[in-house]
C-alpha atoms as a PDB file:
ATOM      1  CA  MET A   1       0.000   0.000   0.000  1.00  0.00           C
ATOM      2  CA  LYS A   2       1.433   3.332  -1.093  1.00  0.00           C
ATOM      3  CA  LEU A   3       1.546   6.441   1.063  1.00  0.00           C
ATOM      4  CA  GLY A   4       0.913   9.882  -0.386  1.00  0.00           C
ATOM      5  CA  VAL A   5       1.898  12.670   2.003  1.00  0.00           C
ATOM      6  CA  ASN A   6      -0.130  15.866   1.760  1.00  0.00           C
ATOM      7  CA  ILE A   7       2.145  18.819   2.521  1.00  0.00           C
ATOM      8  CA  ASP A   8      -0.506  21.579   2.370  1.00  0.00           C
ATOM      9  CA  HIS A   9      -0.186  22.425   6.036  1.00  0.00           C
ATOM     10  CA  ILE A  10       3.488  23.308   5.734  1.00  0.00           C
ATOM     11  CA  ALA A  11       2.197  26.151   3.587  1.00  0.00           C
ATOM     12  CA  THR A  12      -0.556  26.844   6.131  1.00  0.00           C
ATOM     13  CA  LEU A  13       2.098  27.439   8.778  1.00  0.00           C
ATOM     14  CA  ARG A  14       4.097  29.672   6.453  1.00  0.00           C
ATOM     15  CA  ASN A  15       1.054  31.701   5.456  1.00  0.00           C
ATOM     16  CA  ALA A  16       0.129  32.297   9.096  1.00  0.00           C
ATOM     17  CA  ARG A  17       3.036  34.745   9.223  1.00  0.00           C
ATOM     18  CA  ARG A  18       2.983  35.720   5.519  1.00  0.00           C
ATOM     19  CA  ILE A  19       6.690  35.102   5.156  1.00  0.00           C
ATOM     20  CA  ASN A  20       8.766  32.596   3.170  1.00  0.00           C
ATOM     21  CA  GLU A  21       9.285  29.822   5.711  1.00  0.00           C
ATOM     22  CA  PRO A  22       8.679  27.004   6.124  1.00  0.00           C
ATOM     23  CA  ASP A  23       8.895  26.391   2.388  1.00  0.00           C
ATOM     24  CA  PRO A  24       6.880  23.311   1.203  1.00  0.00           C
ATOM     25  CA  LEU A  25       9.544  22.695  -1.443  1.00  0.00           C
ATOM     26  CA  MET A  26      12.021  21.770   1.288  1.00  0.00           C
ATOM     27  CA  ALA A  27       9.837  18.786   2.208  1.00  0.00           C
ATOM     28  CA  LEU A  28      10.369  16.978  -1.090  1.00  0.00           C
ATOM     29  CA  GLU A  29      13.759  15.451  -0.327  1.00  0.00           C
ATOM     30  CA  ILE A  30      12.619  14.445   3.159  1.00  0.00           C
ATOM     31  CA  LEU A  31       9.552  12.684   1.737  1.00  0.00           C
ATOM     32  CA  LYS A  32      11.763  10.661  -0.592  1.00  0.00           C
ATOM     33  CA  GLU A  33      14.251   9.760   2.148  1.00  0.00           C
ATOM     34  CA  ALA A  34      11.452   8.698   4.504  1.00  0.00           C
ATOM     35  CA  GLY A  35       9.908   6.334   1.954  1.00  0.00           C
ATOM     36  CA  ALA A  36       6.814   8.283   0.916  1.00  0.00           C
ATOM     37  CA  ASP A  37       5.480   7.185  -2.456  1.00  0.00           C
ATOM     38  CA  GLN A  38       3.794  10.387  -3.563  1.00  0.00           C
ATOM     39  CA  VAL A  39       3.498  14.109  -2.864  1.00  0.00           C
ATOM     40  CA  THR A  40      -0.080  15.372  -2.533  1.00  0.00           C
ATOM     41  CA  ILE A  41      -1.024  19.042  -2.639  1.00  0.00           C
ATOM     42  CA  HIS A  42      -4.359  20.860  -2.967  1.00  0.00           C
ATOM     43  CA  LEU A  43      -4.461  23.980  -5.117  1.00  0.00           C
ATOM     44  CA  ARG A  44      -7.558  25.614  -3.644  1.00  0.00           C
ATOM     45  CA  GLU A  45      -9.457  28.364  -5.399  1.00  0.00           C
ATOM     46  CA  ASP A  46      -8.765  30.751  -2.500  1.00  0.00           C
ATOM     47  CA  ARG A  47      -5.072  29.688  -2.327  1.00  0.00           C
ATOM     48  CA  ARG A  48      -5.333  29.420   1.449  1.00  0.00           C
ATOM     49  CA  HIS A  49      -2.206  27.270   1.643  1.00  0.00           C
ATOM     50  CA  ILE A  50      -0.545  26.039  -1.574  1.00  0.00           C
ATOM     51  CA  THR A  51      -0.067  28.837  -4.115  1.00  0.00           C
ATOM     52  CA  ASP A  52       0.528  28.699  -7.867  1.00  0.00           C
ATOM     53  CA  PHE A  53       4.186  29.470  -7.138  1.00  0.00           C
ATOM     54  CA  ASP A  54       4.380  26.488  -4.767  1.00  0.00           C
ATOM     55  CA  ALA A  55       2.579  24.165  -7.175  1.00  0.00           C
ATOM     56  CA  GLN A  56       4.828  25.000 -10.102  1.00  0.00           C
ATOM     57  CA  ARG A  57       8.031  24.464  -8.137  1.00  0.00           C
ATOM     58  CA  ILE A  58       6.790  21.244  -6.536  1.00  0.00           C
ATOM     59  CA  VAL A  59       5.772  19.677  -9.851  1.00  0.00           C
ATOM     60  CA  GLN A  60       9.031  20.736 -11.499  1.00  0.00           C
ATOM     61  CA  ASN A  61      11.306  19.588  -8.671  1.00  0.00           C
ATOM     62  CA  SER A  62       9.609  16.609  -7.025  1.00  0.00           C
ATOM     63  CA  PHE A  63      11.506  13.329  -6.864  1.00  0.00           C
ATOM     64  CA  LEU A  64       8.142  11.598  -6.432  1.00  0.00           C
ATOM     65  CA  PRO A  65       4.889  11.593  -8.425  1.00  0.00           C
ATOM     66  CA  VAL A  66       2.724  14.606  -7.645  1.00  0.00           C
ATOM     67  CA  ASN A  67      -0.982  14.160  -6.962  1.00  0.00           C
ATOM     68  CA  MET A  68      -2.708  17.520  -7.205  1.00  0.00           C
ATOM     69  CA  GLU A  69      -6.125  17.881  -5.610  1.00  0.00           C
ATOM     70  CA  CYS A  70      -8.353  20.505  -7.165  1.00  0.00           C
ATOM     71  CA  SER A  71     -11.936  21.607  -7.758  1.00  0.00           C
ATOM     72  CA  ILE A  72     -13.732  21.201 -11.094  1.00  0.00           C
ATOM     73  CA  ASN A  73     -13.561  24.964 -11.707  1.00  0.00           C
ATOM     74  CA  PRO A  74     -12.492  25.266 -15.391  1.00  0.00           C
ATOM     75  CA  GLU A  75      -9.879  27.910 -14.566  1.00  0.00           C
ATOM     76  CA  ILE A  76      -8.278  25.596 -12.017  1.00  0.00           C
ATOM     77  CA  ILE A  77      -8.391  22.676 -14.455  1.00  0.00           C
ATOM     78  CA  ASP A  78      -6.572  24.813 -17.023  1.00  0.00           C
ATOM     79  CA  ILE A  79      -3.833  25.536 -14.477  1.00  0.00           C
ATOM     80  CA  ILE A  80      -3.484  21.833 -13.690  1.00  0.00           C
ATOM     81  CA  CYS A  81      -3.202  21.026 -17.398  1.00  0.00           C
ATOM     82  CA  THR A  82      -0.389  23.562 -17.690  1.00  0.00           C
ATOM     83  CA  LEU A  83       1.454  22.256 -14.618  1.00  0.00           C
ATOM     84  CA  LYS A  84       1.103  18.581 -15.670  1.00  0.00           C
ATOM     85  CA  PRO A  85       1.282  16.706 -12.337  1.00  0.00           C
ATOM     86  CA  HIS A  86       1.226  12.918 -12.430  1.00  0.00           C
ATOM     87  CA  ARG A  87      -2.393  12.846 -11.268  1.00  0.00           C
ATOM     88  CA  ALA A  88      -5.262  15.221 -10.609  1.00  0.00           C
ATOM     89  CA  THR A  89      -7.737  14.317  -7.878  1.00  0.00           C
ATOM     90  CA  LEU A  90     -11.017  16.147  -8.343  1.00  0.00           C
ATOM     91  CA  VAL A  91     -12.583  17.150  -5.029  1.00  0.00           C
ATOM     92  CA  PRO A  92     -15.583  19.204  -3.895  1.00  0.00           C
ATOM     93  CA  GLU A  93     -14.690  22.636  -2.617  1.00  0.00           C
ATOM     94  CA  ARG A  94     -16.492  25.374  -0.698  1.00  0.00           C
ATOM     95  CA  ARG A  95     -14.578  28.483   0.292  1.00  0.00           C
ATOM     96  CA  GLU A  96     -16.172  28.667   3.735  1.00  0.00           C
ATOM     97  CA  GLU A  97     -15.237  25.093   4.716  1.00  0.00           C
ATOM     98  CA  VAL A  98     -12.307  24.411   7.049  1.00  0.00           C
ATOM     99  CA  THR A  99     -11.439  21.211   5.206  1.00  0.00           C
ATOM    100  CA  THR A 100     -13.056  19.152   2.452  1.00  0.00           C
ATOM    101  CA  GLU A 101     -16.489  18.049   3.621  1.00  0.00           C
ATOM    102  CA  GLY A 102     -17.730  14.854   1.973  1.00  0.00           C
ATOM    103  CA  GLY A 103     -17.067  13.453  -1.467  1.00  0.00           C
ATOM    104  CA  LEU A 104     -17.568  14.912  -4.925  1.00  0.00           C
ATOM    105  CA  ASP A 105     -21.099  14.377  -6.269  1.00  0.00           C
ATOM    106  CA  VAL A 106     -20.199  12.786  -9.594  1.00  0.00           C
ATOM    107  CA  VAL A 107     -23.839  12.114 -10.473  1.00  0.00           C
ATOM    108  CA  LYS A 108     -24.994  15.696  -9.921  1.00  0.00           C
ATOM    109  CA  PHE A 109     -22.007  17.311 -11.644  1.00  0.00           C
ATOM    110  CA  GLU A 110     -21.558  14.681 -14.353  1.00  0.00           C
ATOM    111  CA  LYS A 111     -21.248  17.152 -17.236  1.00  0.00           C
ATOM    112  CA  GLU A 112     -18.685  19.384 -15.520  1.00  0.00           C
ATOM    113  CA  ILE A 113     -16.635  16.404 -14.341  1.00  0.00           C
ATOM    114  CA  LYS A 114     -16.745  14.770 -17.770  1.00  0.00           C
ATOM    115  CA  ASN A 115     -15.374  17.962 -19.330  1.00  0.00           C
ATOM    116  CA  ALA A 116     -12.640  18.202 -16.705  1.00  0.00           C
ATOM    117  CA  ILE A 117     -11.602  14.560 -17.158  1.00  0.00           C
ATOM    118  CA  GLU A 118     -11.447  14.874 -20.932  1.00  0.00           C
ATOM    119  CA  LYS A 119      -9.307  18.003 -20.687  1.00  0.00           C
ATOM    120  CA  LEU A 120      -6.945  16.403 -18.149  1.00  0.00           C
ATOM    121  CA  HIS A 121      -6.613  13.240 -20.215  1.00  0.00           C
ATOM    122  CA  LYS A 122      -5.697  15.315 -23.277  1.00  0.00           C
ATOM    123  CA  SER A 123      -2.837  16.703 -21.173  1.00  0.00           C
ATOM    124  CA  ASP A 124      -1.784  13.131 -20.272  1.00  0.00           C
ATOM    125  CA  ILE A 125      -2.793  13.513 -16.614  1.00  0.00           C
ATOM    126  CA  GLU A 126      -4.367  10.619 -14.723  1.00  0.00           C
ATOM    127  CA  VAL A 127      -7.620  11.383 -12.914  1.00  0.00           C
ATOM    128  CA  SER A 128      -8.902  10.287  -9.535  1.00  0.00           C
ATOM    129  CA  LEU A 129     -12.293  11.273  -8.126  1.00  0.00           C
ATOM    130  CA  PHE A 130     -12.631  11.887  -4.384  1.00  0.00           C
ATOM    131  CA  ILE A 131     -16.011  10.357  -3.545  1.00  0.00           C
ATOM    132  CA  ASP A 132     -18.094   8.921  -0.737  1.00  0.00           C
ATOM    133  CA  PRO A 133     -18.339   5.111  -0.589  1.00  0.00           C
ATOM    134  CA  ASP A 134     -21.596   5.097  -2.550  1.00  0.00           C
ATOM    135  CA  THR A 135     -22.523   2.657  -5.327  1.00  0.00           C
ATOM    136  CA  LYS A 136     -23.962   5.271  -7.700  1.00  0.00           C
ATOM    137  CA  GLN A 137     -20.922   7.513  -7.302  1.00  0.00           C
ATOM    138  CA  ILE A 138     -18.591   4.591  -8.033  1.00  0.00           C
ATOM    139  CA  GLU A 139     -20.571   3.534 -11.114  1.00  0.00           C
ATOM    140  CA  LYS A 140     -20.567   7.065 -12.518  1.00  0.00           C
ATOM    141  CA  SER A 141     -16.826   7.405 -11.859  1.00  0.00           C
ATOM    142  CA  ALA A 142     -16.179   4.301 -13.931  1.00  0.00           C
ATOM    143  CA  GLU A 143     -18.545   5.503 -16.662  1.00  0.00           C
ATOM    144  CA  LEU A 144     -16.637   8.804 -16.920  1.00  0.00           C
ATOM    145  CA  LYS A 145     -13.374   6.873 -17.338  1.00  0.00           C
ATOM    146  CA  ALA A 146     -11.497   8.003 -14.259  1.00  0.00           C
ATOM    147  CA  GLU A 147      -8.498   5.785 -13.562  1.00  0.00           C
ATOM    148  CA  MET A 148      -8.992   5.858  -9.802  1.00  0.00           C
ATOM    149  CA  ILE A 149     -11.319   6.842  -7.013  1.00  0.00           C
ATOM    150  CA  GLU A 150     -10.288   8.022  -3.574  1.00  0.00           C
ATOM    151  CA  LEU A 151     -12.773   7.040  -0.902  1.00  0.00           C
ATOM    152  CA  HIS A 152     -13.601   9.740   1.622  1.00  0.00           C
ATOM    153  CA  THR A 153     -12.805   8.327   5.069  1.00  0.00           C
ATOM    154  CA  GLY A 154     -13.926  11.391   7.013  1.00  0.00           C
ATOM    155  CA  ARG A 155     -16.995   9.842   8.605  1.00  0.00           C
ATOM    156  CA  TYR A 156     -15.024   6.768   9.633  1.00  0.00           C
ATOM    157  CA  ALA A 157     -12.328   8.987  11.148  1.00  0.00           C
ATOM    158  CA  ASN A 158     -14.836  11.117  13.053  1.00  0.00           C
ATOM    159  CA  LEU A 159     -16.669   8.093  14.446  1.00  0.00           C
ATOM    160  CA  PHE A 160     -13.353   6.599  15.567  1.00  0.00           C
ATOM    161  CA  LEU A 161     -12.394   9.898  17.181  1.00  0.00           C
ATOM    162  CA  ALA A 162     -15.686  10.230  19.047  1.00  0.00           C
ATOM    163  CA  LEU A 163     -15.531   6.635  20.286  1.00  0.00           C
ATOM    164  CA  ASN A 164     -11.878   6.473  21.296  1.00  0.00           C
ATOM    165  CA  THR A 165     -10.911   9.962  22.489  1.00  0.00           C
ATOM    166  CA  ASN A 166     -12.172  12.732  24.761  1.00  0.00           C
ATOM    167  CA  ILE A 167     -13.055  15.057  21.859  1.00  0.00           C
ATOM    168  CA  ASN A 168     -16.661  15.423  23.036  1.00  0.00           C
ATOM    169  CA  GLU A 169     -15.332  16.986  26.228  1.00  0.00           C
ATOM    170  CA  THR A 170     -13.652  19.713  24.165  1.00  0.00           C
ATOM    171  CA  PRO A 171     -15.089  22.600  22.104  1.00  0.00           C
ATOM    172  CA  PHE A 172     -14.833  20.367  19.010  1.00  0.00           C
ATOM    173  CA  LYS A 173     -17.668  17.935  19.773  1.00  0.00           C
ATOM    174  CA  ILE A 174     -18.791  15.472  17.091  1.00  0.00           C
ATOM    175  CA  PHE A 175     -21.666  12.977  17.168  1.00  0.00           C
ATOM    176  CA  GLU A 176     -22.466  14.303  20.658  1.00  0.00           C
ATOM    177  CA  ASN A 177     -25.948  12.725  20.567  1.00  0.00           C
ATOM    178  CA  PHE A 178     -24.571   9.196  19.986  1.00  0.00           C
ATOM    179  CA  ASP A 179     -23.913   6.983  22.993  1.00  0.00           C
ATOM    180  CA  ARG A 180     -20.905   4.656  22.925  1.00  0.00           C
ATOM    181  CA  LYS A 181     -22.939   1.672  21.763  1.00  0.00           C
ATOM    182  CA  THR A 182     -24.281   3.647  18.809  1.00  0.00           C
ATOM    183  CA  LEU A 183     -20.839   5.005  17.960  1.00  0.00           C
ATOM    184  CA  LYS A 184     -19.394   1.496  17.901  1.00  0.00           C
ATOM    185  CA  LYS A 185     -22.166   0.181  15.668  1.00  0.00           C
ATOM    186  CA  GLU A 186     -21.906   3.131  13.271  1.00  0.00           C
ATOM    187  CA  LEU A 187     -18.125   2.732  13.106  1.00  0.00           C
ATOM    188  CA  GLU A 188     -18.465  -0.951  12.179  1.00  0.00           C
ATOM    189  CA  LEU A 189     -21.034  -0.107   9.500  1.00  0.00           C
ATOM    190  CA  GLU A 190     -18.856   2.639   8.020  1.00  0.00           C
ATOM    191  CA  LEU A 191     -15.836   0.359   7.860  1.00  0.00           C
ATOM    192  CA  LYS A 192     -17.903  -2.316   6.098  1.00  0.00           C
ATOM    193  CA  LEU A 193     -19.190   0.303   3.682  1.00  0.00           C
ATOM    194  CA  LEU A 194     -15.614   1.283   2.797  1.00  0.00           C
ATOM    195  CA  LYS A 195     -14.621  -2.359   2.300  1.00  0.00           C
ATOM    196  CA  ASP A 196     -17.631  -3.124   0.113  1.00  0.00           C
ATOM    197  CA  ALA A 197     -17.120   0.049  -1.924  1.00  0.00           C
ATOM    198  CA  THR A 198     -13.494  -0.884  -2.563  1.00  0.00           C
ATOM    199  CA  LEU A 199     -14.393  -4.335  -3.863  1.00  0.00           C
ATOM    200  CA  TYR A 200     -17.184  -2.955  -6.024  1.00  0.00           C
ATOM    201  CA  ALA A 201     -14.871  -0.333  -7.536  1.00  0.00           C
ATOM    202  CA  ASN A 202     -12.289  -3.012  -8.327  1.00  0.00           C
ATOM    203  CA  ASP A 203     -15.001  -4.990 -10.131  1.00  0.00           C
ATOM    204  CA  LEU A 204     -15.485  -1.910 -12.333  1.00  0.00           C
ATOM    205  CA  ASN A 205     -11.713  -1.739 -13.021  1.00  0.00           C
ATOM    206  CA  LEU A 206     -11.142   1.287 -10.817  1.00  0.00           C
ATOM    207  CA  GLU A 207      -8.090   1.538  -8.596  1.00  0.00           C
ATOM    208  CA  VAL A 208      -8.955   2.644  -5.077  1.00  0.00           C
ATOM    209  CA  ALA A 209      -7.189   5.095  -2.791  1.00  0.00           C
ATOM    210  CA  ALA A 210      -8.503   6.399   0.532  1.00  0.00           C
ATOM    211  CA  GLY A 211      -8.008   9.459   2.661  1.00  0.00           C
ATOM    212  CA  HIS A 212      -9.295  12.205   4.941  1.00  0.00           C
ATOM    213  CA  GLY A 213      -8.919  12.287   8.702  1.00  0.00           C
ATOM    214  CA  LEU A 214      -6.619   9.261   8.825  1.00  0.00           C
ATOM    215  CA  ASN A 215      -4.084   9.294  11.632  1.00  0.00           C
ATOM    216  CA  TYR A 216      -1.770   7.054  13.636  1.00  0.00           C
ATOM    217  CA  GLN A 217      -4.617   5.709  15.755  1.00  0.00           C
ATOM    218  CA  ASN A 218      -7.250   4.907  13.119  1.00  0.00           C
ATOM    219  CA  VAL A 219      -5.264   4.066   9.996  1.00  0.00           C
ATOM    220  CA  LYS A 220      -4.729   0.370  10.728  1.00  0.00           C
ATOM    221  CA  GLU A 221      -8.293  -0.730   9.973  1.00  0.00           C
ATOM    222  CA  ILE A 222      -8.211   1.069   6.627  1.00  0.00           C
ATOM    223  CA  ALA A 223      -4.755  -0.291   5.826  1.00  0.00           C
ATOM    224  CA  ASN A 224      -6.132  -3.790   6.414  1.00  0.00           C
ATOM    225  CA  ILE A 225      -8.349  -3.390   3.342  1.00  0.00           C
ATOM    226  CA  LYS A 226      -5.736  -4.871   1.048  1.00  0.00           C
ATOM    227  CA  GLU A 227      -7.506  -3.877  -2.145  1.00  0.00           C
ATOM    228  CA  ILE A 228      -6.864  -0.197  -1.368  1.00  0.00           C
ATOM    229  CA  VAL A 229      -3.638   0.655  -3.182  1.00  0.00           C
ATOM    230  CA  GLU A 230      -2.886   4.065  -1.678  1.00  0.00           C
ATOM    231  CA  LEU A 231      -3.570   6.254   1.339  1.00  0.00           C
ATOM    232  CA  ASN A 232      -3.243  10.042   1.257  1.00  0.00           C
ATOM    233  CA  ILE A 233      -2.532  11.513   4.676  1.00  0.00           C
ATOM    234  CA  GLY A 234      -1.573  15.067   5.516  1.00  0.00           C
ATOM    235  CA  HIS A 235      -2.740  16.799   8.674  1.00  0.00           C
ATOM    236  CA  SER A 236      -1.760  14.036  11.101  1.00  0.00           C
ATOM    237  CA  ILE A 237       1.716  13.599   9.630  1.00  0.00           C
ATOM    238  CA  ILE A 238       2.461  17.328   9.519  1.00  0.00           C
ATOM    239  CA  ALA A 239       1.030  17.812  13.038  1.00  0.00           C
ATOM    240  CA  ASN A 240       3.203  15.025  14.441  1.00  0.00           C
ATOM    241  CA  SER A 241       6.261  16.333  12.604  1.00  0.00           C
ATOM    242  CA  VAL A 242       6.230  19.238  15.068  1.00  0.00           C
ATOM    243  CA  PHE A 243       7.267  16.741  17.754  1.00  0.00           C
ATOM    244  CA  LEU A 244       8.959  13.949  15.788  1.00  0.00           C
ATOM    245  CA  GLY A 245      10.408  15.711  12.761  1.00  0.00           C
ATOM    246  CA  LEU A 246       8.929  15.176   9.303  1.00  0.00           C
ATOM    247  CA  LYS A 247      11.081  12.199   8.370  1.00  0.00           C
ATOM    248  CA  GLU A 248      10.272  10.256  11.524  1.00  0.00           C
ATOM    249  CA  ALA A 249       6.573  11.134  11.260  1.00  0.00           C
ATOM    250  CA  ILE A 250       6.447   9.653   7.750  1.00  0.00           C
ATOM    251  CA  ILE A 251       8.460   6.555   8.691  1.00  0.00           C
ATOM    252  CA  LYS A 252       6.124   5.922  11.626  1.00  0.00           C
ATOM    253  CA  MET A 253       3.073   6.097   9.341  1.00  0.00           C
ATOM    254  CA  LYS A 254       4.691   3.897   6.700  1.00  0.00           C
ATOM    255  CA  LYS A 255       5.331   1.215   9.316  1.00  0.00           C
ATOM    256  CA  LEU A 256       1.692   1.299  10.433  1.00  0.00           C
ATOM    257  CA  ILE A 257       0.254   0.851   6.961  1.00  0.00           C
ATOM    258  CA  SER A 258       2.831  -1.748   5.883  1.00  0.00           C
ATOM    259  CA  SER A 259       2.785  -4.095   8.878  1.00  0.00           C
END
């Protein structure tokens, strides 16, 4: 199972002071040394972390394949086609959200996504669609000829967090109306949904990646779904690099998903 490391939040830290450090470009050599398989970045419409300047330098200088997450906004797609990363992962995007909330609705936005995929393919860029583990979304992804889907693991991660940590005793409560029995049942159902979705996607000749909210505590159950070929993890690795250093944070995650 491959590990893509999302380095967006290096840029988040830099932008907090509006200076030139830490520079996301400096992470590239560390990712390679630590055994990461891919660099993932998200070029958001509001450029809240990664900028066009960052994206261009990362694609041009990366030792590893670059997976660029982006919205289906035609202007953004044009930029991606110019930059030519190894892969584009199409994601939903709202400017007011803190982080990506839920998967891309491929059924609802079929026409826009079809146009984006065709344009990216003409530029020789592979396409992955970031979707919820839903049968109709998987079927439409295959129909539109994406090479890969990335299953949104956010609900799984939040259920795990609510069940296994004290988060509901903090200002960041989630599922506060669920008792522990309900949380456990919902977590089991969500994990089964992710497993079933992976197998169904494989039957339709789609490769499957997974990501969102995965961390050192919850990643093992997802990594045990052997048909998933890749995990994309960012916030947890960058957060832990504050204490461990980036190289050690990546090595620690690689060991968890490989054992």
